[in-house]
């Protein structure tokens, strides 16, 4: 199905924006050139399929255009800026430098933009960002492609899939080597718990389903469509597992992993913004994986890359939206990022008790009971908030516990848990 959305006036900050919970970290992994029908409907990507079923997926997510580069720019800058090809970030009208293949075309625009973007927004609010780019020649490199080696083909890394390099604030950044880094830095940051607020993760051309179809040292899995999908699916699963194995993921901080695509195989399906610079880039798969958020969500709301940008801006508390991300027709992805509200559990103990919570990192939080009241003061009833509980879980307890008193049990423990995040126990 192709969804059409009209362009509307600026929406600014709405109630729906306020419904996006605060997040500490957002990872965005971008894959290449596959439509929703290919990945979701054909079932050729089992790791991605399992994650989308377990967590959440957007079934009506659309790219802005073809080919790749303007979609990356749209996600980071809120506009394609009229970029309509994959030329190098330094190209401008009439440019004859290498990788400026289309510079003589009418309507060609400068590919280096002097404009606010997600990186400048984050810096303004004292937050850090990093682009983790597999096979980047070196930290801070502005190379257009990675060079060939004795064992690897040229172009495993491609700047057209980086986005940040299309903005002057990046290319002239004195901290460039901190912001554009390789996958070795991703592993190190996860081990040391030094993950930035926003992380863009771009696998190399053989691991992101794009492929390299000519030249020496191109592996078979990098030049055959079905093999590319299988390799990309496996790689996404490994990246998600790597993040989920970190202390950041297991902590009380809110973290989201978004897996999305730049464009489909060439259709013009579109949503939310329709103009000459946003003609449509097809219906693309998108899944959202959160450590404390919803599960098994199928969201059919029409979205595009501007919707994802708007959601990231809301989740990280940036308080404004870049260009098309501020359009009234562009909605934040609330159902996929929502965090369940705390449930109230009312206890009526027959003697003093302590209600406490132990998180995975071992921290203890006392909610009420003897630890907060003198022993000589009897407790008749008190209510505690227990985050992340579901009504179905509570109803399944014996006896059921849903906003109703229940008798204390001498010498026993009551354990309430959700996804092993935390246990709330009553001790005699």
Protein backbone atom coordinates (compact mmCIF):
# COMPACT_ATOMS: atom_id res chain seq x y z
CA UNK A 1 0.00 0.00 0.00
CA UNK A 2 1.25 3.50 -0.84
CA UNK A 3 0.24 6.12 1.69
CA UNK A 4 -0.16 9.74 0.64
CA UNK A 5 0.17 12.55 3.19
CA UNK A 6 -0.28 16.24 2.52
CA UNK A 7 2.12 18.98 3.53
CA UNK A 8 0.85 21.15 6.37
CA UNK A 9 1.99 24.17 8.32
CA UNK A 10 4.55 24.00 11.09
CA UNK A 11 3.38 21.91 14.02
CA UNK A 12 6.00 23.03 16.53
CA UNK A 13 5.88 21.11 19.82
CA UNK A 14 2.64 19.15 20.22
CA UNK A 15 1.02 16.88 22.78
CA UNK A 16 2.20 13.93 20.73
CA UNK A 17 5.77 15.21 21.02
CA UNK A 18 5.35 15.47 24.78
CA UNK A 19 4.21 11.85 24.81
CA UNK A 20 7.65 10.68 23.64
CA UNK A 21 9.51 9.53 26.77
CA UNK A 22 12.97 10.79 27.62
CA UNK A 23 15.76 8.56 26.35
CA UNK A 24 19.41 8.55 27.37
CA UNK A 25 20.74 6.83 24.24
CA UNK A 26 19.42 6.30 20.71
CA UNK A 27 21.28 4.03 18.29
CA UNK A 28 20.28 4.13 14.61
CA UNK A 29 21.51 1.32 12.35
CA UNK A 30 20.93 1.97 8.65
CA UNK A 31 20.70 -0.78 6.05
CA UNK A 32 20.47 -0.33 2.29
CA UNK A 33 18.18 -0.62 -0.71
CA UNK A 34 15.49 -3.05 0.46
CA UNK A 35 11.76 -2.53 0.70
CA UNK A 36 9.38 -3.65 3.37
CA UNK A 37 7.91 -6.27 1.06
CA UNK A 38 11.36 -7.79 0.51
CA UNK A 39 12.45 -7.95 4.14
CA UNK A 40 9.17 -8.40 6.03
CA UNK A 41 6.84 -10.16 3.62
CA UNK A 42 9.26 -12.66 2.10
CA UNK A 43 10.71 -13.70 5.44
CA UNK A 44 14.29 -13.77 4.10
CA UNK A 45 15.75 -12.00 7.14
CA UNK A 46 15.07 -14.20 10.21
CA UNK A 47 17.05 -12.14 12.74
CA UNK A 48 15.31 -8.93 11.72
CA UNK A 49 11.96 -10.71 11.65
CA UNK A 50 12.43 -12.07 15.16
CA UNK A 51 13.42 -8.67 16.54
CA UNK A 52 10.50 -6.90 14.86
CA UNK A 53 8.04 -9.42 16.31
CA UNK A 54 9.56 -9.29 19.78
CA UNK A 55 9.83 -5.49 19.98
CA UNK A 56 8.13 -3.23 17.43
CA UNK A 57 7.94 -2.36 13.75
CA UNK A 58 6.60 0.48 11.63
CA UNK A 59 4.79 -1.02 8.66
CA UNK A 60 4.19 2.30 6.82
CA UNK A 61 7.64 3.89 6.95
CA UNK A 62 8.80 5.66 3.78
CA UNK A 63 12.00 7.08 2.35
CA UNK A 64 12.12 10.56 0.81
CA UNK A 65 13.69 9.84 -2.57
CA UNK A 66 16.26 7.86 -4.56
CA UNK A 67 19.22 7.28 -4.46
CA UNK A 68 20.85 6.84 -1.04
CA UNK A 69 22.62 10.04 -0.04
CA UNK A 70 19.67 12.46 0.19
CA UNK A 71 17.84 10.07 2.53
CA UNK A 72 20.76 10.06 4.95
CA UNK A 73 20.91 13.85 4.76
CA UNK A 74 17.15 14.05 5.40
CA UNK A 75 17.48 11.97 8.57
CA UNK A 76 20.25 14.15 9.99
CA UNK A 77 19.24 17.56 8.61
CA UNK A 78 15.46 17.52 8.19
CA UNK A 79 15.68 18.12 4.43
CA UNK A 80 17.28 16.68 1.32
CA UNK A 81 18.32 20.27 0.38
CA UNK A 82 17.76 19.36 -3.25
CA UNK A 83 20.53 16.72 -3.29
CA UNK A 84 19.43 14.15 -5.84
CA UNK A 85 22.43 11.84 -6.35
CA UNK A 86 25.30 10.11 -4.54
CA UNK A 87 28.05 12.60 -5.40
CA UNK A 88 30.79 13.48 -2.90
CA UNK A 89 30.10 15.85 -0.02
CA UNK A 90 32.43 18.51 -1.48
CA UNK A 91 30.72 18.67 -4.88
CA UNK A 92 29.08 21.87 -6.11
CA UNK A 93 27.57 22.98 -9.44
CA UNK A 94 30.10 22.64 -12.28
CA UNK A 95 32.65 20.84 -10.09
CA UNK A 96 35.07 18.59 -11.99
CA UNK A 97 36.66 16.81 -9.03
CA UNK A 98 36.43 13.03 -8.72
CA UNK A 99 33.07 11.66 -7.50
CA UNK A 100 31.20 14.75 -8.79
CA UNK A 101 29.65 12.83 -11.68
CA UNK A 102 26.40 14.79 -11.88
CA UNK A 103 27.71 18.32 -11.20
CA UNK A 104 26.93 19.61 -14.70
CA UNK A 105 23.23 18.76 -14.49
CA UNK A 106 20.64 21.56 -14.33
CA UNK A 107 19.41 22.26 -10.83
CA UNK A 108 22.48 20.70 -9.21
CA UNK A 109 23.07 21.97 -5.66
CA UNK A 110 26.07 22.13 -3.37
CA UNK A 111 26.37 18.89 -1.40
CA UNK A 112 28.09 20.61 1.53
CA UNK A 113 25.44 22.41 3.54
CA UNK A 114 26.03 25.23 6.02
CA UNK A 115 22.93 24.46 8.03
CA UNK A 116 21.85 23.25 11.49
CA UNK A 117 21.64 19.49 11.84
CA UNK A 118 21.25 16.85 14.52
CA UNK A 119 24.92 17.18 15.45
CA UNK A 120 24.66 20.93 16.08
CA UNK A 121 21.40 20.44 17.99
CA UNK A 122 23.02 17.91 20.30
CA UNK A 123 26.06 20.12 20.85
CA UNK A 124 23.78 23.05 21.72
CA UNK A 125 22.22 20.97 24.49
CA UNK A 126 25.52 19.63 25.82
CA UNK A 127 24.98 16.13 24.38
CA UNK A 128 27.43 14.06 22.40
CA UNK A 129 27.04 12.18 19.10
CA UNK A 130 29.13 9.76 17.16
CA UNK A 131 28.97 8.09 13.74
CA UNK A 132 30.36 4.55 13.91
CA UNK A 133 31.41 3.78 10.33
CA UNK A 134 32.68 0.32 9.48
CA UNK A 135 35.95 0.35 7.49
CA UNK A 136 36.37 4.12 7.79
CA UNK A 137 40.06 4.56 6.77
CA UNK A 138 40.86 6.30 10.06
CA UNK A 139 39.09 8.31 12.75
CA UNK A 140 37.99 11.66 11.38
CA UNK A 141 38.59 10.65 7.77
CA UNK A 142 36.77 12.65 5.09
CA UNK A 143 37.59 10.08 2.40
CA UNK A 144 34.85 9.44 -0.13
CA UNK A 145 35.56 5.69 -0.26
CA UNK A 146 37.95 3.38 1.54
CA UNK A 147 40.94 2.25 -0.55
CA UNK A 148 41.48 -1.28 -1.78
CA UNK A 149 43.88 -3.49 0.14
CA UNK A 150 45.51 -6.83 -0.63
CA UNK A 151 42.45 -8.60 0.77
CA UNK A 152 39.58 -6.09 0.54
CA UNK A 153 37.86 -4.31 -2.35
CA UNK A 154 37.76 -0.56 -2.75
CA UNK A 155 34.72 1.18 -1.34
CA UNK A 156 33.74 -0.95 1.64
CA UNK A 157 33.24 2.41 3.33
CA UNK A 158 31.37 5.08 1.37
CA UNK A 159 30.88 8.67 2.54
CA UNK A 160 27.54 8.87 0.71
CA UNK A 161 26.16 6.76 3.58
CA UNK A 162 27.51 9.00 6.35
CA UNK A 163 25.19 12.07 6.24
CA UNK A 164 27.12 14.12 8.80
CA UNK A 165 29.86 14.84 6.25
CA UNK A 166 27.33 16.76 4.14
CA UNK A 167 27.35 19.52 6.78
CA UNK A 168 30.09 22.11 7.19
CA UNK A 169 29.72 21.88 10.97
CA UNK A 170 31.19 18.36 10.65
CA UNK A 171 33.84 18.82 7.99
CA UNK A 172 35.29 21.81 9.88
CA UNK A 173 34.81 20.28 13.33
CA UNK A 174 38.05 20.38 15.41
CA UNK A 175 36.74 17.23 17.15
CA UNK A 176 36.12 15.39 13.89
CA UNK A 177 38.24 12.40 14.94
CA UNK A 178 36.01 12.00 17.98
CA UNK A 179 32.77 12.09 15.99
CA UNK A 180 33.60 9.98 12.91
CA UNK A 181 35.03 6.68 14.10
CA UNK A 182 35.29 3.01 13.16
CA UNK A 183 33.62 -0.07 14.58
CA UNK A 184 36.55 -0.69 16.94
CA UNK A 185 35.44 2.44 18.79
CA UNK A 186 31.88 1.14 19.02
CA UNK A 187 33.10 -1.97 20.82
CA UNK A 188 35.33 0.10 23.11
CA UNK A 189 32.57 2.58 23.98
CA UNK A 190 30.12 -0.20 24.83
CA UNK A 191 32.71 -1.88 27.05
CA UNK A 192 33.52 1.36 28.88
CA UNK A 193 29.90 2.60 29.18
CA UNK A 194 30.82 5.77 27.25
CA UNK A 195 28.11 5.67 24.65
CA UNK A 196 26.95 9.06 23.29
CA UNK A 197 23.37 10.27 23.38
CA UNK A 198 23.04 9.65 19.63
CA UNK A 199 24.91 6.98 17.71
CA UNK A 200 24.66 6.44 13.96
CA UNK A 201 25.88 2.95 13.02
CA UNK A 202 26.70 2.25 9.36
CA UNK A 203 27.97 -1.23 8.40
CA UNK A 204 30.19 -1.52 5.36
CA UNK A 205 28.81 -2.03 1.86
CA UNK A 206 28.95 -5.82 2.16
CA UNK A 207 27.20 -5.89 5.55
CA UNK A 208 24.42 -3.35 4.95
CA UNK A 209 22.72 -5.17 2.02
CA UNK A 210 24.07 -2.70 -0.59
CA UNK A 211 26.85 -4.75 -2.13
CA UNK A 212 29.86 -4.21 -4.38
CA UNK A 213 29.35 -5.80 -7.77
CA UNK A 214 32.71 -5.42 -9.53
CA UNK A 215 36.43 -5.37 -8.79
CA UNK A 216 39.02 -7.62 -7.14
CA UNK A 217 38.55 -9.21 -3.71
CA UNK A 218 34.76 -8.85 -3.68
CA UNK A 219 33.43 -11.78 -1.62
CA UNK A 220 30.50 -13.81 -3.04
CA UNK A 221 28.22 -12.64 -0.23
CA UNK A 222 28.77 -9.04 -1.39
CA UNK A 223 27.61 -9.40 -5.00
CA UNK A 224 24.53 -11.66 -4.94
CA UNK A 225 21.23 -10.15 -3.80
CA UNK A 226 19.96 -12.99 -1.61
CA UNK A 227 23.39 -13.49 -0.07
CA UNK A 228 23.58 -9.75 0.69
CA UNK A 229 20.25 -9.90 2.52
CA UNK A 230 21.31 -12.95 4.52
CA UNK A 231 24.64 -11.35 5.43
CA UNK A 232 22.99 -8.04 6.37
CA UNK A 233 20.40 -9.82 8.49
CA UNK A 234 23.06 -11.76 10.35
CA UNK A 235 25.07 -8.58 10.89
CA UNK A 236 22.10 -6.62 12.25
CA UNK A 237 21.47 -9.44 14.72
CA UNK A 238 25.09 -9.32 15.87
CA UNK A 239 25.09 -5.54 16.29
CA UNK A 240 21.87 -5.60 18.32
CA UNK A 241 23.22 -8.42 20.48
CA UNK A 242 26.44 -6.45 21.04
CA UNK A 243 24.48 -3.42 22.27
CA UNK A 244 22.11 -5.53 24.38
CA UNK A 245 25.08 -7.20 26.09
CA UNK A 246 26.37 -3.84 27.35
CA UNK A 247 25.88 -2.37 30.80
CA UNK A 248 24.15 0.61 29.19
CA UNK A 249 21.36 -1.65 27.94
CA UNK A 250 21.00 -3.43 31.28
CA UNK A 251 20.91 -0.22 33.31
CA UNK A 252 17.90 1.85 34.38
CA UNK A 253 18.67 4.34 31.59
CA UNK A 254 16.33 4.33 28.59
CA UNK A 255 18.00 3.13 25.40
CA UNK A 256 16.55 2.54 21.94
CA UNK A 257 17.96 0.79 18.87
CA UNK A 258 16.36 1.74 15.55
CA UNK A 259 17.04 -0.41 12.49
CA UNK A 260 15.90 1.27 9.29
CA UNK A 261 16.73 1.49 5.59
CA UNK A 262 17.69 4.38 3.35
CA UNK A 263 15.33 3.49 0.46
CA UNK A 264 13.62 0.56 -1.21
CA UNK A 265 14.58 -0.99 -4.55
CA UNK A 266 13.27 1.93 -6.60
CA UNK A 267 9.55 2.65 -6.11
CA UNK A 268 8.08 6.10 -5.37
CA UNK A 269 5.90 5.31 -2.37
CA UNK A 270 5.96 8.29 -0.03
CA UNK A 271 4.52 9.82 3.09
CA UNK A 272 4.19 13.03 4.98
CA UNK A 273 6.17 15.39 2.73
CA UNK A 274 5.67 15.52 -1.04
CA UNK A 275 7.52 18.05 -3.18
CA UNK A 276 10.18 18.19 -5.88
CA UNK A 277 12.94 17.35 -3.36
CA UNK A 278 10.92 14.60 -1.67
CA UNK A 279 9.28 12.58 -4.47
CA UNK A 280 9.26 9.37 -2.46
CA UNK A 281 11.73 6.55 -1.92
CA UNK A 282 9.44 3.61 -1.20
CA UNK A 283 8.10 1.71 1.79
CA UNK A 284 11.07 0.62 3.92
CA UNK A 285 11.34 -1.74 6.90
CA UNK A 286 11.89 -0.10 10.29
CA UNK A 287 12.04 -1.69 13.72
CA UNK A 288 12.48 -0.12 17.15
CA UNK A 289 14.08 -2.11 19.97
CA UNK A 290 13.99 -0.62 23.47
CA UNK A 291 15.30 -1.89 26.79
CA UNK A 292 12.37 -0.59 28.88
CA UNK A 293 9.77 0.19 26.23
CA UNK A 294 6.93 -1.66 24.53
CA UNK A 295 6.89 -5.18 23.15
CA UNK A 296 5.16 -6.77 20.14
CA UNK A 297 4.05 -3.44 18.65
CA UNK A 298 2.85 -3.21 15.04
CA UNK A 299 2.52 0.49 14.21
CA UNK A 300 0.72 1.29 10.94
CA UNK A 301 1.03 5.08 11.34
CA UNK A 302 2.53 6.68 8.19
CA UNK A 303 6.11 7.79 8.90
CA UNK A 304 9.26 8.82 7.05
CA UNK A 305 12.87 9.67 7.98
CA UNK A 306 11.70 13.09 9.15
CA UNK A 307 9.40 11.32 11.61
CA UNK A 308 12.37 9.41 12.99
CA UNK A 309 14.39 12.61 13.28
CA UNK A 310 11.51 14.30 15.10
CA UNK A 311 11.23 11.36 17.49
CA UNK A 312 14.97 11.46 18.25
CA UNK A 313 14.75 15.22 18.89
CA UNK A 314 11.84 14.65 21.29
CA UNK A 315 13.43 11.65 23.04
CA UNK A 316 16.72 13.45 23.66
CA UNK A 317 15.04 16.66 24.87
CA UNK A 318 16.26 18.91 22.04
CA UNK A 319 13.00 20.94 22.16
CA UNK A 320 12.93 21.93 18.49
CA UNK A 321 12.59 20.23 15.12
CA UNK A 322 14.68 20.70 12.00
CA UNK A 323 12.86 21.84 8.84
CA UNK A 324 10.49 19.09 7.60
CA UNK A 325 10.71 17.33 10.96
CA UNK A 326 8.57 20.23 12.20
CA UNK A 327 5.84 19.78 9.58
CA UNK A 328 2.39 19.08 11.02
CA UNK A 329 2.08 16.03 8.74
CA UNK A 330 5.24 14.50 10.22
CA UNK A 331 4.39 12.60 13.41
CA UNK A 332 6.73 11.33 16.14
CA UNK A 333 6.82 7.55 16.52
CA UNK A 334 5.19 7.44 19.95
CA UNK A 335 3.82 3.85 20.01
CA UNK A 336 7.24 2.38 19.26
CA UNK A 337 9.12 4.44 21.88
CA UNK A 338 6.47 4.55 24.64
CA UNK A 339 7.43 3.35 28.10
CA UNK A 340 4.65 1.77 30.19
CA UNK A 341 3.37 3.90 33.06
CA UNK A 342 3.98 2.68 36.62
CA UNK A 343 1.32 0.44 38.13
CA UNK A 344 0.09 1.12 41.65
CA UNK A 345 0.07 -1.88 43.96
CA UNK A 346 -1.81 -1.39 47.23
CA UNK A 347 -0.67 -3.48 50.17
CA UNK A 348 -2.49 -4.02 53.46
CA UNK A 349 0.06 -5.72 55.71
CA UNK A 350 -0.82 -7.24 59.06
CA UNK A 351 2.49 -6.08 60.51
CA UNK A 352 5.40 -3.87 59.57
CA UNK A 353 6.90 -4.77 56.21
CA UNK A 354 9.44 -3.29 53.86
CA UNK A 355 8.80 -2.90 50.17
CA UNK A 356 11.98 -2.62 48.19
CA UNK A 357 13.18 -2.86 44.61
CA UNK A 358 16.40 -4.45 43.41
CA UNK A 359 17.51 -3.60 39.87
CA UNK A 360 19.86 -5.65 37.75
CA UNK A 361 22.84 -3.60 38.84
CA UNK A 362 22.10 -4.48 42.47
CA UNK A 363 20.81 -1.08 43.59
CA UNK A 364 18.18 -1.20 46.33
CA UNK A 365 15.33 1.31 46.50
CA UNK A 366 12.94 1.32 49.46
CA UNK A 367 9.36 2.21 48.60
CA UNK A 368 7.79 2.09 52.04
CA UNK A 369 7.27 0.02 55.14
CA UNK A 370 9.31 -0.55 58.25
CA UNK A 371 12.43 1.05 56.79
CA UNK A 372 10.56 4.34 56.55
CA UNK A 373 8.28 4.12 59.60
CA UNK A 374 9.14 3.67 63.30
CA UNK A 375 8.45 0.08 64.40
CA UNK A 376 5.97 1.26 67.03
CA UNK A 377 3.75 2.84 64.35
CA UNK A 378 1.56 0.14 62.81
CA UNK A 379 1.09 0.23 59.07
CA UNK A 380 -2.52 -0.19 58.03
CA UNK A 381 -2.08 0.35 54.30
CA UNK A 382 0.19 2.06 51.84
CA UNK A 383 0.61 2.21 48.05
CA UNK A 384 3.80 1.79 46.09
CA UNK A 385 4.55 2.48 42.45
CA UNK A 386 6.11 -0.50 40.75
CA UNK A 387 7.36 0.48 37.26
CA UNK A 388 7.02 -1.71 34.21
CA UNK A 389 4.40 -4.14 35.55
CA UNK A 390 1.62 -5.38 33.31
CA UNK A 391 -1.93 -6.01 34.41
CA UNK A 392 -1.75 -9.49 32.92
CA UNK A 393 1.26 -10.35 35.06
CA UNK A 394 -0.29 -9.03 38.23
CA UNK A 395 -3.58 -10.79 37.52
CA UNK A 396 -1.74 -14.05 37.18
CA UNK A 397 -0.37 -13.89 40.71
CA UNK A 398 -1.85 -15.95 43.50
CA UNK A 399 -3.74 -14.17 44.93
CA UNK A 400 -4.36 -11.61 42.15
CA UNK A 401 -2.88 -8.18 42.84
CA UNK A 402 -4.48 -5.32 40.87
CA UNK A 403 -5.01 -2.17 42.89
CA UNK A 404 -6.54 -4.19 45.72
CA UNK A 405 -5.34 -5.00 49.26
CA UNK A 406 -4.24 -8.50 50.04
CA UNK A 407 -3.19 -10.12 53.35
CA UNK A 408 0.41 -10.27 54.39
CA UNK A 409 2.10 -13.64 54.50
CA UNK A 410 4.29 -14.27 57.50
CA UNK A 411 7.69 -15.61 56.66
CA UNK A 412 7.27 -15.53 52.86
CA UNK A 413 8.40 -13.39 49.97
CA UNK A 414 6.25 -11.83 47.29
CA UNK A 415 8.14 -11.37 44.04
CA UNK A 416 6.85 -9.21 41.20
CA UNK A 417 8.93 -8.93 38.06
CA UNK A 418 8.72 -7.85 34.45
CA UNK A 419 11.31 -9.05 31.94
CA UNK A 420 13.62 -9.61 34.92
CA UNK A 421 14.14 -5.86 35.12
CA UNK A 422 13.33 -5.57 38.79
CA UNK A 423 11.87 -7.50 41.67
CA UNK A 424 9.63 -5.98 44.28
CA UNK A 425 9.45 -8.06 47.40
CA UNK A 426 7.64 -7.95 50.67
CA UNK A 427 9.68 -9.19 53.62
CA UNK A 428 8.24 -9.97 57.08
